[in-house]
Amino acid sequence: MTGAMEARRYVFLDPDGTQGRDWLYVIVRASTGICYEQQYGGTATRSGHVEGYLVPVRSDPALAELRTFFERHLRGAGAEGRSWPEDDVRRLRGAVAKVVFWESAAEPEGVDGRGPRTLELDASRLGDLDEAWVPVLTADGPGVLVWQNSD
């Protein structure tokens, strides 16, 4: 760089839907200049973006529970403006906790103390919560858990 901040870059996740249904990512919020865009909200087809870095994660049980919750329990209609009953929050908290996230380090040599941690539903951001867009807390800070939207 020449000293001036370059423009942000926007990367749309799975823009043509050919990535399949088994992907699960966490976007950790950070000043990176890269914004990841995602279609979410079931048939409400909302679109959002978050600046940060992308971490692929895997949890077939969590993904299955999240799909069941949003596609069957909420009927794939999205959750914008929804109030969240405690039973729903408990179910989502349990599903999210099944996702393992490996803490990163600022330096390659800084591996001591790093390891697997489970994600946590970020209850302070329930207003942002929707299908394929779940606010979470990671070992690296706040983020968003995303997967292929059902619409």
C-alpha atoms as a PDB file:
ATOM      1  CA  MET A   1       0.000   0.000   0.000  1.00  0.00           C
ATOM      2  CA  THR A   2       1.085   3.528  -0.564  1.00  0.00           C
ATOM      3  CA  GLY A   3      -0.081   4.837   2.803  1.00  0.00           C
ATOM      4  CA  ALA A   4      -3.669   5.484   1.737  1.00  0.00           C
ATOM      5  CA  MET A   5      -6.311   2.993   2.815  1.00  0.00           C
ATOM      6  CA  GLU A   6      -7.438   0.925  -0.145  1.00  0.00           C
ATOM      7  CA  ALA A   7     -11.148   0.592  -0.827  1.00  0.00           C
ATOM      8  CA  ARG A   8     -13.001  -2.262   0.823  1.00  0.00           C
ATOM      9  CA  ARG A   9     -13.522  -5.412  -1.197  1.00  0.00           C
ATOM     10  CA  TYR A  10     -16.863  -7.240  -1.067  1.00  0.00           C
ATOM     11  CA  VAL A  11     -16.902 -11.012  -1.442  1.00  0.00           C
ATOM     12  CA  PHE A  12     -20.314 -12.640  -1.927  1.00  0.00           C
ATOM     13  CA  LEU A  13     -20.457 -16.103  -0.360  1.00  0.00           C
ATOM     14  CA  ASP A  14     -21.709 -18.791  -2.759  1.00  0.00           C
ATOM     15  CA  PRO A  15     -23.151 -16.313  -5.295  1.00  0.00           C
ATOM     16  CA  ASP A  16     -24.401 -18.967  -7.730  1.00  0.00           C
ATOM     17  CA  GLY A  17     -25.479 -21.584  -5.160  1.00  0.00           C
ATOM     18  CA  THR A  18     -23.083 -24.247  -6.468  1.00  0.00           C
ATOM     19  CA  GLN A  19     -21.149 -24.704  -3.245  1.00  0.00           C
ATOM     20  CA  GLY A  20     -23.672 -27.227  -1.934  1.00  0.00           C
ATOM     21  CA  ARG A  21     -25.560 -27.202   1.359  1.00  0.00           C
ATOM     22  CA  ASP A  22     -22.874 -28.478   3.712  1.00  0.00           C
ATOM     23  CA  TRP A  23     -20.768 -25.368   4.263  1.00  0.00           C
ATOM     24  CA  LEU A  24     -20.612 -23.482   7.526  1.00  0.00           C
ATOM     25  CA  TYR A  25     -18.444 -20.408   8.132  1.00  0.00           C
ATOM     26  CA  VAL A  26     -17.764 -17.910  10.853  1.00  0.00           C
ATOM     27  CA  ILE A  27     -16.936 -14.365   9.850  1.00  0.00           C
ATOM     28  CA  VAL A  28     -14.997 -12.820  12.718  1.00  0.00           C
ATOM     29  CA  ARG A  29     -15.412  -9.047  12.866  1.00  0.00           C
ATOM     30  CA  ALA A  30     -12.113  -7.272  12.236  1.00  0.00           C
ATOM     31  CA  SER A  31     -10.746  -4.333  10.279  1.00  0.00           C
ATOM     32  CA  THR A  32      -9.466  -6.225   7.243  1.00  0.00           C
ATOM     33  CA  GLY A  33     -10.805  -4.238   4.302  1.00  0.00           C
ATOM     34  CA  ILE A  34     -12.687  -7.386   3.210  1.00  0.00           C
ATOM     35  CA  CYS A  35     -16.460  -7.564   3.633  1.00  0.00           C
ATOM     36  CA  TYR A  36     -18.261 -10.858   3.200  1.00  0.00           C
ATOM     37  CA  GLU A  37     -21.795 -10.636   1.824  1.00  0.00           C
ATOM     38  CA  GLN A  38     -24.426 -13.258   2.482  1.00  0.00           C
ATOM     39  CA  GLN A  39     -28.043 -13.813   1.465  1.00  0.00           C
ATOM     40  CA  TYR A  40     -29.980 -14.877   4.523  1.00  0.00           C
ATOM     41  CA  GLY A  41     -33.439 -14.846   6.091  1.00  0.00           C
ATOM     42  CA  GLY A  42     -35.107 -17.749   4.273  1.00  0.00           C
ATOM     43  CA  THR A  43     -37.702 -16.602   1.755  1.00  0.00           C
ATOM     44  CA  ALA A  44     -37.330 -13.041   3.068  1.00  0.00           C
ATOM     45  CA  THR A  45     -34.051 -13.081   1.073  1.00  0.00           C
ATOM     46  CA  ARG A  46     -32.280 -10.448   3.096  1.00  0.00           C
ATOM     47  CA  SER A  47     -28.712  -9.516   2.321  1.00  0.00           C
ATOM     48  CA  GLY A  48     -26.021  -8.414   4.715  1.00  0.00           C
ATOM     49  CA  HIS A  49     -22.303  -7.997   4.954  1.00  0.00           C
ATOM     50  CA  VAL A  50     -19.703  -7.948   7.693  1.00  0.00           C
ATOM     51  CA  GLU A  51     -16.074  -6.872   7.575  1.00  0.00           C
ATOM     52  CA  GLY A  52     -13.620  -9.374   8.962  1.00  0.00           C
ATOM     53  CA  TYR A  53     -12.006 -12.691   8.199  1.00  0.00           C
ATOM     54  CA  LEU A  54     -13.612 -15.963   7.180  1.00  0.00           C
ATOM     55  CA  VAL A  55     -13.060 -19.178   9.130  1.00  0.00           C
ATOM     56  CA  PRO A  56     -14.453 -22.450   7.738  1.00  0.00           C
ATOM     57  CA  VAL A  57     -15.925 -24.598  10.520  1.00  0.00           C
ATOM     58  CA  ARG A  58     -17.664 -27.959  10.475  1.00  0.00           C
ATOM     59  CA  SER A  59     -20.443 -29.397  12.593  1.00  0.00           C
ATOM     60  CA  ASP A  60     -22.979 -31.580  10.843  1.00  0.00           C
ATOM     61  CA  PRO A  61     -25.146 -31.852  13.999  1.00  0.00           C
ATOM     62  CA  ALA A  62     -25.202 -28.064  14.484  1.00  0.00           C
ATOM     63  CA  LEU A  63     -25.996 -27.398  10.832  1.00  0.00           C
ATOM     64  CA  ALA A  64     -28.817 -29.952  10.900  1.00  0.00           C
ATOM     65  CA  GLU A  65     -30.298 -28.389  14.054  1.00  0.00           C
ATOM     66  CA  LEU A  66     -30.046 -24.869  12.657  1.00  0.00           C
ATOM     67  CA  ARG A  67     -31.715 -25.901   9.403  1.00  0.00           C
ATOM     68  CA  THR A  68     -34.494 -27.699  11.254  1.00  0.00           C
ATOM     69  CA  PHE A  69     -35.075 -24.706  13.499  1.00  0.00           C
ATOM     70  CA  PHE A  70     -35.227 -22.105  10.746  1.00  0.00           C
ATOM     71  CA  GLU A  71     -36.672 -24.141   7.868  1.00  0.00           C
ATOM     72  CA  ARG A  72     -39.268 -26.161   9.812  1.00  0.00           C
ATOM     73  CA  HIS A  73     -39.918 -24.398  13.121  1.00  0.00           C
ATOM     74  CA  LEU A  74     -39.938 -20.906  11.547  1.00  0.00           C
ATOM     75  CA  ARG A  75     -41.050 -22.292   8.151  1.00  0.00           C
ATOM     76  CA  GLY A  76     -38.199 -20.614   6.262  1.00  0.00           C
ATOM     77  CA  ALA A  77     -39.932 -17.235   6.401  1.00  0.00           C
ATOM     78  CA  GLY A  78     -37.140 -15.320   8.069  1.00  0.00           C
ATOM     79  CA  ALA A  79     -37.047 -13.802  11.518  1.00  0.00           C
ATOM     80  CA  GLU A  80     -36.745 -10.049  10.992  1.00  0.00           C
ATOM     81  CA  GLY A  81     -38.412  -8.179  13.854  1.00  0.00           C
ATOM     82  CA  ARG A  82     -39.217 -11.407  15.700  1.00  0.00           C
ATOM     83  CA  SER A  83     -39.183 -11.505  19.473  1.00  0.00           C
ATOM     84  CA  TRP A  84     -37.241 -14.503  20.723  1.00  0.00           C
ATOM     85  CA  PRO A  85     -38.952 -16.731  23.312  1.00  0.00           C
ATOM     86  CA  GLU A  86     -36.494 -18.203  25.817  1.00  0.00           C
ATOM     87  CA  ASP A  87     -37.141 -21.737  24.516  1.00  0.00           C
ATOM     88  CA  ASP A  88     -36.042 -20.676  21.009  1.00  0.00           C
ATOM     89  CA  VAL A  89     -32.953 -18.920  22.376  1.00  0.00           C
ATOM     90  CA  ARG A  90     -32.089 -22.053  24.370  1.00  0.00           C
ATOM     91  CA  ARG A  91     -32.413 -24.253  21.255  1.00  0.00           C
ATOM     92  CA  LEU A  92     -30.251 -21.915  19.196  1.00  0.00           C
ATOM     93  CA  ARG A  93     -27.682 -21.587  21.982  1.00  0.00           C
ATOM     94  CA  GLY A  94     -27.412 -25.391  22.090  1.00  0.00           C
ATOM     95  CA  ALA A  95     -26.992 -25.730  18.333  1.00  0.00           C
ATOM     96  CA  VAL A  96     -24.367 -22.974  18.148  1.00  0.00           C
ATOM     97  CA  ALA A  97     -22.413 -24.533  21.035  1.00  0.00           C
ATOM     98  CA  LYS A  98     -21.873 -27.645  18.893  1.00  0.00           C
ATOM     99  CA  VAL A  99     -19.602 -25.666  16.552  1.00  0.00           C
ATOM    100  CA  VAL A 100     -15.906 -25.821  17.393  1.00  0.00           C
ATOM    101  CA  PHE A 101     -13.785 -22.788  16.595  1.00  0.00           C
ATOM    102  CA  TRP A 102      -9.994 -22.842  16.879  1.00  0.00           C
ATOM    103  CA  GLU A 103      -8.592 -19.672  18.407  1.00  0.00           C
ATOM    104  CA  SER A 104      -6.138 -17.816  16.191  1.00  0.00           C
ATOM    105  CA  ALA A 105      -2.842 -16.193  17.150  1.00  0.00           C
ATOM    106  CA  ALA A 106      -1.290 -12.890  16.146  1.00  0.00           C
ATOM    107  CA  GLU A 107       2.020 -14.598  15.342  1.00  0.00           C
ATOM    108  CA  PRO A 108       2.713 -18.092  13.934  1.00  0.00           C
ATOM    109  CA  GLU A 109       4.863 -18.879  16.971  1.00  0.00           C
ATOM    110  CA  GLY A 110       2.060 -17.892  19.352  1.00  0.00           C
ATOM    111  CA  VAL A 111       0.433 -21.309  19.465  1.00  0.00           C
ATOM    112  CA  ASP A 112       0.712 -21.876  23.212  1.00  0.00           C
ATOM    113  CA  GLY A 113      -2.697 -21.744  24.825  1.00  0.00           C
ATOM    114  CA  ARG A 114      -4.592 -21.896  21.540  1.00  0.00           C
ATOM    115  CA  GLY A 115      -7.077 -24.612  21.036  1.00  0.00           C
ATOM    116  CA  PRO A 116     -10.639 -25.537  20.271  1.00  0.00           C
ATOM    117  CA  ARG A 117     -13.406 -23.474  21.815  1.00  0.00           C
ATOM    118  CA  THR A 118     -17.129 -23.713  21.213  1.00  0.00           C
ATOM    119  CA  LEU A 119     -19.068 -20.850  19.734  1.00  0.00           C
ATOM    120  CA  GLU A 120     -21.547 -18.946  21.849  1.00  0.00           C
ATOM    121  CA  LEU A 121     -24.770 -17.308  20.692  1.00  0.00           C
ATOM    122  CA  ASP A 122     -24.366 -13.543  21.100  1.00  0.00           C
ATOM    123  CA  ALA A 123     -27.541 -12.730  23.036  1.00  0.00           C
ATOM    124  CA  SER A 124     -26.779  -8.998  22.842  1.00  0.00           C
ATOM    125  CA  ARG A 125     -27.413  -9.118  19.057  1.00  0.00           C
ATOM    126  CA  LEU A 126     -30.619 -11.164  18.852  1.00  0.00           C
ATOM    127  CA  GLY A 127     -32.146  -8.414  16.686  1.00  0.00           C
ATOM    128  CA  ASP A 128     -29.692  -9.419  13.930  1.00  0.00           C
ATOM    129  CA  LEU A 129     -30.454 -13.142  14.238  1.00  0.00           C
ATOM    130  CA  ASP A 130     -32.018 -14.842  11.226  1.00  0.00           C
ATOM    131  CA  GLU A 131     -31.710 -17.968   9.098  1.00  0.00           C
ATOM    132  CA  ALA A 132     -28.109 -18.339   7.831  1.00  0.00           C
ATOM    133  CA  TRP A 133     -27.012 -15.266   9.848  1.00  0.00           C
ATOM    134  CA  VAL A 134     -26.430 -15.991  13.545  1.00  0.00           C
ATOM    135  CA  PRO A 135     -24.457 -13.544  15.697  1.00  0.00           C
ATOM    136  CA  VAL A 136     -21.880 -15.427  17.755  1.00  0.00           C
ATOM    137  CA  LEU A 137     -19.004 -14.891  20.131  1.00  0.00           C
ATOM    138  CA  THR A 138     -15.773 -16.655  19.227  1.00  0.00           C
ATOM    139  CA  ALA A 139     -12.440 -17.037  20.981  1.00  0.00           C
ATOM    140  CA  ASP A 140     -11.268 -14.258  18.625  1.00  0.00           C
ATOM    141  CA  GLY A 141     -14.196 -11.898  19.284  1.00  0.00           C
ATOM    142  CA  PRO A 142     -17.691 -11.285  17.891  1.00  0.00           C
ATOM    143  CA  GLY A 143     -18.683 -12.763  14.575  1.00  0.00           C
ATOM    144  CA  VAL A 144     -21.486 -14.182  12.465  1.00  0.00           C
ATOM    145  CA  LEU A 145     -22.176 -17.863  11.770  1.00  0.00           C
ATOM    146  CA  VAL A 146     -23.387 -18.332   8.172  1.00  0.00           C
ATOM    147  CA  TRP A 147     -24.472 -21.177   5.883  1.00  0.00           C
ATOM    148  CA  GLN A 148     -26.491 -21.564   2.682  1.00  0.00           C
ATOM    149  CA  ASN A 149     -29.850 -19.822   2.946  1.00  0.00           C
ATOM    150  CA  SER A 150     -32.835 -22.118   2.287  1.00  0.00           C
ATOM    151  CA  ASP A 151     -34.705 -20.034  -0.273  1.00  0.00           C
END
